[in-house]
Amino acid sequence: MALREYRSDAAVAARKTEAMPIGSPAYWVCLALLVATVALAARIASLW
């Protein structure tokens, strides 16, 4: 039963994310964090 609640909560969050306008500051912050994470992962991978 908890899994169903989790799925519905995730679905609600996904719908809210889809409704977020591209010009909002939260969108750009999330995008910057995603790019920084990928860049850090690439840098760590290159060290190995």
PDB file of N, CA and C in Angstrom:
ATOM      1  N   MET A   1       0.832  -1.193   0.000  1.00  0.00           N
ATOM      2  CA  MET A   1       0.000   0.000   0.000  1.00  0.00           C
ATOM      3  C   MET A   1       0.873   1.253   0.000  1.00  0.00           C
ATOM      4  N   ALA A   2       1.990   1.224   0.698  1.00  0.00           N
ATOM      5  CA  ALA A   2       2.867   2.397   0.744  1.00  0.00           C
ATOM      6  C   ALA A   2       3.463   2.684  -0.625  1.00  0.00           C
ATOM      7  N   LEU A   3       3.688   1.617  -1.398  1.00  0.00           N
ATOM      8  CA  LEU A   3       4.243   1.799  -2.734  1.00  0.00           C
ATOM      9  C   LEU A   3       3.266   2.566  -3.618  1.00  0.00           C
ATOM     10  N   ARG A   4       1.984   2.272  -3.479  1.00  0.00           N
ATOM     11  CA  ARG A   4       0.969   2.997  -4.255  1.00  0.00           C
ATOM     12  C   ARG A   4       0.956   4.472  -3.886  1.00  0.00           C
ATOM     13  N   GLU A   5       1.053   4.759  -2.607  1.00  0.00           N
ATOM     14  CA  GLU A   5       1.070   6.155  -2.168  1.00  0.00           C
ATOM     15  C   GLU A   5       2.301   6.857  -2.721  1.00  0.00           C
ATOM     16  N   TYR A   6       3.419   6.168  -2.725  1.00  0.00           N
ATOM     17  CA  TYR A   6       4.656   6.744  -3.258  1.00  0.00           C
ATOM     18  C   TYR A   6       4.494   7.047  -4.743  1.00  0.00           C
ATOM     19  N   ARG A   7       3.908   6.111  -5.459  1.00  0.00           N
ATOM     20  CA  ARG A   7       3.720   6.320  -6.893  1.00  0.00           C
ATOM     21  C   ARG A   7       2.803   7.501  -7.156  1.00  0.00           C
ATOM     22  N   SER A   8       1.755   7.610  -6.391  1.00  0.00           N
ATOM     23  CA  SER A   8       0.835   8.722  -6.621  1.00  0.00           C
ATOM     24  C   SER A   8       1.499  10.044  -6.254  1.00  0.00           C
ATOM     25  N   ASP A   9       2.296  10.059  -5.183  1.00  0.00           N
ATOM     26  CA  ASP A   9       3.031  11.271  -4.827  1.00  0.00           C
ATOM     27  C   ASP A   9       4.024  11.644  -5.922  1.00  0.00           C
ATOM     28  N   ALA A  10       4.682  10.635  -6.475  1.00  0.00           N
ATOM     29  CA  ALA A  10       5.636  10.891  -7.554  1.00  0.00           C
ATOM     30  C   ALA A  10       4.919  11.413  -8.787  1.00  0.00           C
ATOM     31  N   ALA A  11       3.741  10.880  -9.059  1.00  0.00           N
ATOM     32  CA  ALA A  11       2.975  11.345 -10.216  1.00  0.00           C
ATOM     33  C   ALA A  11       2.542  12.798 -10.038  1.00  0.00           C
ATOM     34  N   VAL A  12       2.150  13.146  -8.822  1.00  0.00           N
ATOM     35  CA  VAL A  12       1.756  14.531  -8.542  1.00  0.00           C
ATOM     36  C   VAL A  12       2.956  15.452  -8.715  1.00  0.00           C
ATOM     37  N   ALA A  13       4.112  15.046  -8.213  1.00  0.00           N
ATOM     38  CA  ALA A  13       5.323  15.862  -8.351  1.00  0.00           C
ATOM     39  C   ALA A  13       5.708  16.011  -9.819  1.00  0.00           C
ATOM     40  N   ALA A  14       5.557  14.937 -10.592  1.00  0.00           N
ATOM     41  CA  ALA A  14       5.898  14.999 -12.012  1.00  0.00           C
ATOM     42  C   ALA A  14       4.967  15.953 -12.748  1.00  0.00           C
ATOM     43  N   ARG A  15       3.712  15.937 -12.389  1.00  0.00           N
ATOM     44  CA  ARG A  15       2.774  16.859 -13.042  1.00  0.00           C
ATOM     45  C   ARG A  15       3.105  18.305 -12.695  1.00  0.00           C
ATOM     46  N   LYS A  16       3.495  18.545 -11.457  1.00  0.00           N
ATOM     47  CA  LYS A  16       3.857  19.910 -11.069  1.00  0.00           C
ATOM     48  C   LYS A  16       5.107  20.362 -11.811  1.00  0.00           C
ATOM     49  N   THR A  17       6.048  19.447 -12.010  1.00  0.00           N
ATOM     50  CA  THR A  17       7.278  19.776 -12.725  1.00  0.00           C
ATOM     51  C   THR A  17       6.974  20.098 -14.182  1.00  0.00           C
ATOM     52  N   GLU A  18       6.063  19.346 -14.785  1.00  0.00           N
ATOM     53  CA  GLU A  18       5.705  19.603 -16.173  1.00  0.00           C
ATOM     54  C   GLU A  18       5.042  20.960 -16.317  1.00  0.00           C
ATOM     55  N   ALA A  19       4.315  21.380 -15.293  1.00  0.00           N
ATOM     56  CA  ALA A  19       3.598  22.646 -15.362  1.00  0.00           C
ATOM     57  C   ALA A  19       4.519  23.840 -15.108  1.00  0.00           C
ATOM     58  N   MET A  20       5.752  23.581 -14.673  1.00  0.00           N
ATOM     59  CA  MET A  20       6.678  24.664 -14.348  1.00  0.00           C
ATOM     60  C   MET A  20       7.105  25.390 -15.628  1.00  0.00           C
ATOM     61  N   PRO A  21       6.923  26.681 -15.676  1.00  0.00           N
ATOM     62  CA  PRO A  21       7.352  27.407 -16.874  1.00  0.00           C
ATOM     63  C   PRO A  21       8.873  27.410 -17.016  1.00  0.00           C
ATOM     64  N   ILE A  22       9.337  27.433 -18.246  1.00  0.00           N
ATOM     65  CA  ILE A  22      10.778  27.352 -18.505  1.00  0.00           C
ATOM     66  C   ILE A  22      11.509  28.580 -17.978  1.00  0.00           C
ATOM     67  N   GLY A  23      10.855  29.705 -17.904  1.00  0.00           N
ATOM     68  CA  GLY A  23      11.511  30.919 -17.459  1.00  0.00           C
ATOM     69  C   GLY A  23      11.644  31.041 -15.953  1.00  0.00           C
ATOM     70  N   SER A  24      11.131  30.071 -15.197  1.00  0.00           N
ATOM     71  CA  SER A  24      11.164  30.192 -13.739  1.00  0.00           C
ATOM     72  C   SER A  24      12.575  29.946 -13.208  1.00  0.00           C
ATOM     73  N   PRO A  25      12.941  30.616 -12.127  1.00  0.00           N
ATOM     74  CA  PRO A  25      14.288  30.430 -11.554  1.00  0.00           C
ATOM     75  C   PRO A  25      14.543  28.998 -11.096  1.00  0.00           C
ATOM     76  N   ALA A  26      13.520  28.308 -10.610  1.00  0.00           N
ATOM     77  CA  ALA A  26      13.703  26.931 -10.143  1.00  0.00           C
ATOM     78  C   ALA A  26      14.131  26.024 -11.295  1.00  0.00           C
ATOM     79  N   TYR A  27      13.605  26.265 -12.470  1.00  0.00           N
ATOM     80  CA  TYR A  27      13.987  25.480 -13.645  1.00  0.00           C
ATOM     81  C   TYR A  27      15.475  25.634 -13.927  1.00  0.00           C
ATOM     82  N   TRP A  28      15.968  26.863 -13.900  1.00  0.00           N
ATOM     83  CA  TRP A  28      17.376  27.119 -14.209  1.00  0.00           C
ATOM     84  C   TRP A  28      18.294  26.580 -13.118  1.00  0.00           C
ATOM     85  N   VAL A  29      17.852  26.636 -11.859  1.00  0.00           N
ATOM     86  CA  VAL A  29      18.657  26.077 -10.766  1.00  0.00           C
ATOM     87  C   VAL A  29      18.773  24.568 -10.928  1.00  0.00           C
ATOM     88  N   CYS A  30      17.666  23.914 -11.226  1.00  0.00           N
ATOM     89  CA  CYS A  30      17.696  22.457 -11.422  1.00  0.00           C
ATOM     90  C   CYS A  30      18.560  22.086 -12.624  1.00  0.00           C
ATOM     91  N   LEU A  31      18.448  22.855 -13.683  1.00  0.00           N
ATOM     92  CA  LEU A  31      19.253  22.592 -14.870  1.00  0.00           C
ATOM     93  C   LEU A  31      20.740  22.776 -14.572  1.00  0.00           C
ATOM     94  N   ALA A  32      21.085  23.816 -13.826  1.00  0.00           N
ATOM     95  CA  ALA A  32      22.485  24.060 -13.467  1.00  0.00           C
ATOM     96  C   ALA A  32      23.029  22.939 -12.584  1.00  0.00           C
ATOM     97  N   LEU A  33      22.210  22.466 -11.644  1.00  0.00           N
ATOM     98  CA  LEU A  33      22.641  21.359 -10.785  1.00  0.00           C
ATOM     99  C   LEU A  33      22.842  20.086 -11.593  1.00  0.00           C
ATOM    100  N   LEU A  34      21.981  19.851 -12.559  1.00  0.00           N
ATOM    101  CA  LEU A  34      22.120  18.671 -13.403  1.00  0.00           C
ATOM    102  C   LEU A  34      23.400  18.741 -14.230  1.00  0.00           C
ATOM    103  N   VAL A  35      23.670  19.887 -14.818  1.00  0.00           N
ATOM    104  CA  VAL A  35      24.893  20.057 -15.615  1.00  0.00           C
ATOM    105  C   VAL A  35      26.133  19.918 -14.737  1.00  0.00           C
ATOM    106  N   ALA A  36      26.100  20.487 -13.537  1.00  0.00           N
ATOM    107  CA  ALA A  36      27.242  20.386 -12.624  1.00  0.00           C
ATOM    108  C   ALA A  36      27.480  18.938 -12.205  1.00  0.00           C
ATOM    109  N   THR A  37      26.407  18.201 -11.984  1.00  0.00           N
ATOM    110  CA  THR A  37      26.535  16.794 -11.606  1.00  0.00           C
ATOM    111  C   THR A  37      27.162  15.982 -12.726  1.00  0.00           C
ATOM    112  N   VAL A  38      26.719  16.219 -13.952  1.00  0.00           N
ATOM    113  CA  VAL A  38      27.282  15.500 -15.097  1.00  0.00           C
ATOM    114  C   VAL A  38      28.753  15.868 -15.287  1.00  0.00           C
ATOM    115  N   ALA A  39      29.083  17.145 -15.129  1.00  0.00           N
ATOM    116  CA  ALA A  39      30.479  17.568 -15.281  1.00  0.00           C
ATOM    117  C   ALA A  39      31.359  16.944 -14.203  1.00  0.00           C
ATOM    118  N   LEU A  40      30.852  16.891 -12.982  1.00  0.00           N
ATOM    119  CA  LEU A  40      31.623  16.271 -11.902  1.00  0.00           C
ATOM    120  C   LEU A  40      31.805  14.778 -12.141  1.00  0.00           C
ATOM    121  N   ALA A  41      30.772  14.108 -12.599  1.00  0.00           N
ATOM    122  CA  ALA A  41      30.870  12.683 -12.894  1.00  0.00           C
ATOM    123  C   ALA A  41      31.888  12.431 -14.000  1.00  0.00           C
ATOM    124  N   ALA A  42      31.905  13.278 -15.010  1.00  0.00           N
ATOM    125  CA  ALA A  42      32.869  13.128 -16.099  1.00  0.00           C
ATOM    126  C   ALA A  42      34.292  13.350 -15.606  1.00  0.00           C
ATOM    127  N   ARG A  43      34.444  14.311 -14.730  1.00  0.00           N
ATOM    128  CA  ARG A  43      35.786  14.583 -14.195  1.00  0.00           C
ATOM    129  C   ARG A  43      36.291  13.431 -13.328  1.00  0.00           C
ATOM    130  N   ILE A  44      35.408  12.891 -12.507  1.00  0.00           N
ATOM    131  CA  ILE A  44      35.798  11.748 -11.665  1.00  0.00           C
ATOM    132  C   ILE A  44      36.113  10.549 -12.549  1.00  0.00           C
ATOM    133  N   ALA A  45      35.324  10.317 -13.580  1.00  0.00           N
ATOM    134  CA  ALA A  45      35.558   9.185 -14.470  1.00  0.00           C
ATOM    135  C   ALA A  45      36.889   9.338 -15.202  1.00  0.00           C
ATOM    136  N   SER A  46      37.266  10.566 -15.530  1.00  0.00           N
ATOM    137  CA  SER A  46      38.526  10.758 -16.249  1.00  0.00           C
ATOM    138  C   SER A  46      39.734  10.519 -15.348  1.00  0.00           C
ATOM    139  N   LEU A  47      39.555  10.677 -14.042  1.00  0.00           N
ATOM    140  CA  LEU A  47      40.660  10.432 -13.106  1.00  0.00           C
ATOM    141  C   LEU A  47      40.937   8.943 -12.938  1.00  0.00           C
ATOM    142  N   TRP A  48      39.937   8.119 -13.162  1.00  0.00           N
ATOM    143  CA  TRP A  48      40.113   6.674 -13.025  1.00  0.00           C
ATOM    144  C   TRP A  48      40.692   6.180 -14.274  1.00  0.00           C
TER     145      TRP A  48
END
